[in-house]
Amino acid sequence: MWHSKISSTRRSCLAHLSLGAVGISSGSNAWSAPELHSQADLLSRGLEANGIEVTLPPLADNSNAIPLQFTLQAPAGKALIGFEIIAPENPNRVILRMKLGQAQPSFTFNTRIRLAMTQDVWILAHLNNGSSLGRPTHTVVTATACFDET
């Protein structure tokens, strides 16, 4: 008698665990938040683009070294404290994250970036009041570089 009671408890426990596992694994991702720095996440932020000027070629033949230049201008009464260059379709989305040593009213930056595919490259400027500015710039990549997730 004692043995059957333990079996029954064990069976019900396993049944409840399996139902819970099925419920967790079948949960829909439709209601979950978009991944950080994905195209959907960046678009959903509603970032203002005023004060960001970006120069990126519309067509890139070599995706290993695409020239990128941008100028950031803080709104009146605010200052820049940092910026990010984000490529949402790259294996590593954040290309560069930089914090400025001192808050600046304006900032110009030149570099070359590597892109995995045709996509929008985002420049995010962070201001000293905690807000951000952001601008996407589209470029078409004819030969991809990021095959090995680097």
C-alpha atoms as a PDB file:
ATOM      1  CA  MET A   1       0.000   0.000   0.000  1.00  0.00           C
ATOM      2  CA  TRP A   2       2.756   2.392   0.871  1.00  0.00           C
ATOM      3  CA  HIS A   3       4.495   1.651  -2.435  1.00  0.00           C
ATOM      4  CA  SER A   4       1.397   2.443  -4.546  1.00  0.00           C
ATOM      5  CA  LYS A   5       0.961   5.795  -2.804  1.00  0.00           C
ATOM      6  CA  ILE A   6       4.558   6.769  -3.659  1.00  0.00           C
ATOM      7  CA  SER A   7       4.040   5.663  -7.281  1.00  0.00           C
ATOM      8  CA  SER A   8       0.874   7.700  -7.532  1.00  0.00           C
ATOM      9  CA  THR A   9       2.599  10.783  -6.144  1.00  0.00           C
ATOM     10  CA  ARG A  10       5.537  10.293  -8.461  1.00  0.00           C
ATOM     11  CA  ARG A  11       3.215   9.921 -11.476  1.00  0.00           C
ATOM     12  CA  SER A  12       1.254  13.048 -10.652  1.00  0.00           C
ATOM     13  CA  CYS A  13       4.439  15.001 -10.035  1.00  0.00           C
ATOM     14  CA  LEU A  14       5.874  13.936 -13.423  1.00  0.00           C
ATOM     15  CA  ALA A  15       2.569  14.729 -15.130  1.00  0.00           C
ATOM     16  CA  HIS A  16       2.551  18.231 -13.674  1.00  0.00           C
ATOM     17  CA  LEU A  17       6.188  18.790 -14.601  1.00  0.00           C
ATOM     18  CA  SER A  18       5.608  17.658 -18.182  1.00  0.00           C
ATOM     19  CA  LEU A  19       2.560  19.920 -18.534  1.00  0.00           C
ATOM     20  CA  GLY A  20       4.581  22.837 -17.214  1.00  0.00           C
ATOM     21  CA  ALA A  21       7.422  22.109 -19.636  1.00  0.00           C
ATOM     22  CA  VAL A  22       5.000  21.939 -22.562  1.00  0.00           C
ATOM     23  CA  GLY A  23       3.439  25.237 -21.499  1.00  0.00           C
ATOM     24  CA  ILE A  24       6.798  26.964 -21.273  1.00  0.00           C
ATOM     25  CA  SER A  25       8.107  25.609 -24.582  1.00  0.00           C
ATOM     26  CA  SER A  26       4.934  26.388 -26.517  1.00  0.00           C
ATOM     27  CA  GLY A  27       4.747  30.008 -25.334  1.00  0.00           C
ATOM     28  CA  SER A  28       4.437  32.519 -28.156  1.00  0.00           C
ATOM     29  CA  ASN A  29       7.158  35.072 -28.788  1.00  0.00           C
ATOM     30  CA  ALA A  30       4.635  37.415 -30.379  1.00  0.00           C
ATOM     31  CA  TRP A  31       4.281  39.395 -27.153  1.00  0.00           C
ATOM     32  CA  SER A  32       7.947  39.533 -26.219  1.00  0.00           C
ATOM     33  CA  ALA A  33      10.019  42.691 -26.587  1.00  0.00           C
ATOM     34  CA  PRO A  34      12.289  43.005 -29.647  1.00  0.00           C
ATOM     35  CA  GLU A  35      15.942  42.089 -29.220  1.00  0.00           C
ATOM     36  CA  LEU A  36      18.245  44.885 -28.099  1.00  0.00           C
ATOM     37  CA  HIS A  37      19.662  46.866 -31.042  1.00  0.00           C
ATOM     38  CA  SER A  38      17.577  44.979 -33.611  1.00  0.00           C
ATOM     39  CA  GLN A  39      16.008  46.964 -36.437  1.00  0.00           C
ATOM     40  CA  ALA A  40      12.594  46.631 -34.740  1.00  0.00           C
ATOM     41  CA  ASP A  41      13.990  47.821 -31.394  1.00  0.00           C
ATOM     42  CA  LEU A  42      15.679  50.854 -32.936  1.00  0.00           C
ATOM     43  CA  LEU A  43      12.582  51.824 -34.934  1.00  0.00           C
ATOM     44  CA  SER A  44      10.319  51.426 -31.894  1.00  0.00           C
ATOM     45  CA  ARG A  45      12.356  53.937 -29.864  1.00  0.00           C
ATOM     46  CA  GLY A  46      11.087  56.868 -31.965  1.00  0.00           C
ATOM     47  CA  LEU A  47      14.473  58.588 -31.956  1.00  0.00           C
ATOM     48  CA  GLU A  48      14.808  62.134 -33.287  1.00  0.00           C
ATOM     49  CA  ALA A  49      17.352  62.470 -36.110  1.00  0.00           C
ATOM     50  CA  ASN A  50      17.919  66.228 -35.789  1.00  0.00           C
ATOM     51  CA  GLY A  51      21.586  67.059 -35.327  1.00  0.00           C
ATOM     52  CA  ILE A  52      23.017  63.906 -36.935  1.00  0.00           C
ATOM     53  CA  GLU A  53      24.587  64.119 -40.401  1.00  0.00           C
ATOM     54  CA  VAL A  54      25.881  60.819 -41.830  1.00  0.00           C
ATOM     55  CA  THR A  55      28.009  60.155 -44.906  1.00  0.00           C
ATOM     56  CA  LEU A  56      27.906  56.485 -45.938  1.00  0.00           C
ATOM     57  CA  PRO A  57      28.157  55.282 -49.546  1.00  0.00           C
ATOM     58  CA  PRO A  58      24.798  54.037 -50.883  1.00  0.00           C
ATOM     59  CA  LEU A  59      26.599  51.146 -52.627  1.00  0.00           C
ATOM     60  CA  ALA A  60      29.543  49.289 -51.061  1.00  0.00           C
ATOM     61  CA  ASP A  61      31.628  47.004 -53.288  1.00  0.00           C
ATOM     62  CA  ASN A  62      33.892  45.828 -50.456  1.00  0.00           C
ATOM     63  CA  SER A  63      32.050  45.238 -47.200  1.00  0.00           C
ATOM     64  CA  ASN A  64      35.299  44.855 -45.254  1.00  0.00           C
ATOM     65  CA  ALA A  65      36.085  48.580 -45.189  1.00  0.00           C
ATOM     66  CA  ILE A  66      33.126  50.878 -45.829  1.00  0.00           C
ATOM     67  CA  PRO A  67      33.934  54.543 -45.101  1.00  0.00           C
ATOM     68  CA  LEU A  68      31.629  56.178 -42.567  1.00  0.00           C
ATOM     69  CA  GLN A  69      31.670  59.776 -41.420  1.00  0.00           C
ATOM     70  CA  PHE A  70      29.185  61.524 -39.177  1.00  0.00           C
ATOM     71  CA  THR A  71      28.755  64.812 -37.375  1.00  0.00           C
ATOM     72  CA  LEU A  72      26.723  65.100 -34.187  1.00  0.00           C
ATOM     73  CA  GLN A  73      25.243  68.385 -33.006  1.00  0.00           C
ATOM     74  CA  ALA A  74      23.543  68.513 -29.605  1.00  0.00           C
ATOM     75  CA  PRO A  75      20.282  70.459 -29.290  1.00  0.00           C
ATOM     76  CA  ALA A  76      20.437  73.834 -27.559  1.00  0.00           C
ATOM     77  CA  GLY A  77      21.110  73.537 -23.839  1.00  0.00           C
ATOM     78  CA  LYS A  78      22.290  69.915 -24.089  1.00  0.00           C
ATOM     79  CA  ALA A  79      25.632  68.219 -24.698  1.00  0.00           C
ATOM     80  CA  LEU A  80      26.853  64.942 -26.197  1.00  0.00           C
ATOM     81  CA  ILE A  81      28.269  62.385 -23.777  1.00  0.00           C
ATOM     82  CA  GLY A  82      28.694  59.432 -26.141  1.00  0.00           C
ATOM     83  CA  PHE A  83      27.599  57.632 -29.288  1.00  0.00           C
ATOM     84  CA  GLU A  84      27.106  54.184 -30.815  1.00  0.00           C
ATOM     85  CA  ILE A  85      27.410  52.809 -34.339  1.00  0.00           C
ATOM     86  CA  ILE A  86      24.973  49.923 -34.766  1.00  0.00           C
ATOM     87  CA  ALA A  87      24.517  47.505 -37.690  1.00  0.00           C
ATOM     88  CA  PRO A  88      21.415  45.437 -36.777  1.00  0.00           C
ATOM     89  CA  GLU A  89      22.064  42.709 -39.383  1.00  0.00           C
ATOM     90  CA  ASN A  90      25.688  42.049 -38.337  1.00  0.00           C
ATOM     91  CA  PRO A  91      26.431  39.062 -36.076  1.00  0.00           C
ATOM     92  CA  ASN A  92      27.788  41.584 -33.539  1.00  0.00           C
ATOM     93  CA  ARG A  93      25.348  44.470 -33.811  1.00  0.00           C
ATOM     94  CA  VAL A  94      27.263  47.142 -31.921  1.00  0.00           C
ATOM     95  CA  ILE A  95      30.185  48.167 -34.114  1.00  0.00           C
ATOM     96  CA  LEU A  96      31.432  50.861 -31.754  1.00  0.00           C
ATOM     97  CA  ARG A  97      30.291  52.315 -28.439  1.00  0.00           C
ATOM     98  CA  MET A  98      32.196  55.383 -27.297  1.00  0.00           C
ATOM     99  CA  LYS A  99      31.840  57.541 -24.204  1.00  0.00           C
ATOM    100  CA  LEU A 100      33.296  61.023 -24.557  1.00  0.00           C
ATOM    101  CA  GLY A 101      35.668  62.237 -21.840  1.00  0.00           C
ATOM    102  CA  GLN A 102      33.902  65.587 -21.565  1.00  0.00           C
ATOM    103  CA  ALA A 103      30.435  66.578 -22.699  1.00  0.00           C
ATOM    104  CA  GLN A 104      30.661  68.214 -26.139  1.00  0.00           C
ATOM    105  CA  PRO A 105      28.244  70.469 -28.043  1.00  0.00           C
ATOM    106  CA  SER A 106      29.308  68.857 -31.350  1.00  0.00           C
ATOM    107  CA  PHE A 107      31.474  65.981 -32.494  1.00  0.00           C
ATOM    108  CA  THR A 108      32.786  64.675 -35.857  1.00  0.00           C
ATOM    109  CA  PHE A 109      33.977  61.107 -36.380  1.00  0.00           C
ATOM    110  CA  ASN A 110      35.506  59.184 -39.336  1.00  0.00           C
ATOM    111  CA  THR A 111      36.075  55.436 -39.543  1.00  0.00           C
ATOM    112  CA  ARG A 112      35.650  52.375 -41.738  1.00  0.00           C
ATOM    113  CA  ILE A 113      33.151  49.684 -40.823  1.00  0.00           C
ATOM    114  CA  ARG A 114      32.514  46.067 -41.765  1.00  0.00           C
ATOM    115  CA  LEU A 115      29.003  44.973 -42.729  1.00  0.00           C
ATOM    116  CA  ALA A 116      27.522  41.507 -43.111  1.00  0.00           C
ATOM    117  CA  MET A 117      24.858  42.466 -45.660  1.00  0.00           C
ATOM    118  CA  THR A 118      22.729  45.240 -47.092  1.00  0.00           C
ATOM    119  CA  GLN A 119      21.212  47.107 -44.156  1.00  0.00           C
ATOM    120  CA  ASP A 120      20.598  50.345 -42.307  1.00  0.00           C
ATOM    121  CA  VAL A 121      23.546  51.548 -40.211  1.00  0.00           C
ATOM    122  CA  TRP A 122      22.380  53.462 -37.134  1.00  0.00           C
ATOM    123  CA  ILE A 123      24.191  56.292 -35.399  1.00  0.00           C
ATOM    124  CA  LEU A 124      22.925  56.872 -31.853  1.00  0.00           C
ATOM    125  CA  ALA A 125      24.000  59.988 -29.977  1.00  0.00           C
ATOM    126  CA  HIS A 126      23.574  60.031 -26.190  1.00  0.00           C
ATOM    127  CA  LEU A 127      22.907  63.355 -24.470  1.00  0.00           C
ATOM    128  CA  ASN A 128      23.697  64.550 -20.947  1.00  0.00           C
ATOM    129  CA  ASN A 129      19.990  64.648 -19.981  1.00  0.00           C
ATOM    130  CA  GLY A 130      19.611  60.881 -20.574  1.00  0.00           C
ATOM    131  CA  SER A 131      17.891  61.149 -23.959  1.00  0.00           C
ATOM    132  CA  SER A 132      19.212  59.894 -27.292  1.00  0.00           C
ATOM    133  CA  LEU A 133      19.152  60.894 -30.929  1.00  0.00           C
ATOM    134  CA  GLY A 134      19.330  58.360 -33.758  1.00  0.00           C
ATOM    135  CA  ARG A 135      19.554  58.225 -37.528  1.00  0.00           C
ATOM    136  CA  PRO A 136      19.603  55.217 -39.858  1.00  0.00           C
ATOM    137  CA  THR A 137      21.456  55.343 -43.182  1.00  0.00           C
ATOM    138  CA  HIS A 138      20.924  52.635 -45.782  1.00  0.00           C
ATOM    139  CA  THR A 139      23.748  51.038 -47.751  1.00  0.00           C
ATOM    140  CA  VAL A 140      23.686  48.195 -50.277  1.00  0.00           C
ATOM    141  CA  VAL A 141      26.478  45.641 -49.853  1.00  0.00           C
ATOM    142  CA  THR A 142      27.434  43.698 -52.993  1.00  0.00           C
ATOM    143  CA  ALA A 143      29.982  41.306 -51.400  1.00  0.00           C
ATOM    144  CA  THR A 144      29.581  40.301 -47.750  1.00  0.00           C
ATOM    145  CA  ALA A 145      32.387  40.121 -45.198  1.00  0.00           C
ATOM    146  CA  CYS A 146      30.993  38.672 -41.956  1.00  0.00           C
ATOM    147  CA  PHE A 147      30.752  34.959 -42.726  1.00  0.00           C
ATOM    148  CA  ASP A 148      32.345  33.723 -39.511  1.00  0.00           C
ATOM    149  CA  GLU A 149      30.377  35.871 -37.008  1.00  0.00           C
ATOM    150  CA  THR A 150      33.284  38.244 -36.313  1.00  0.00           C
END
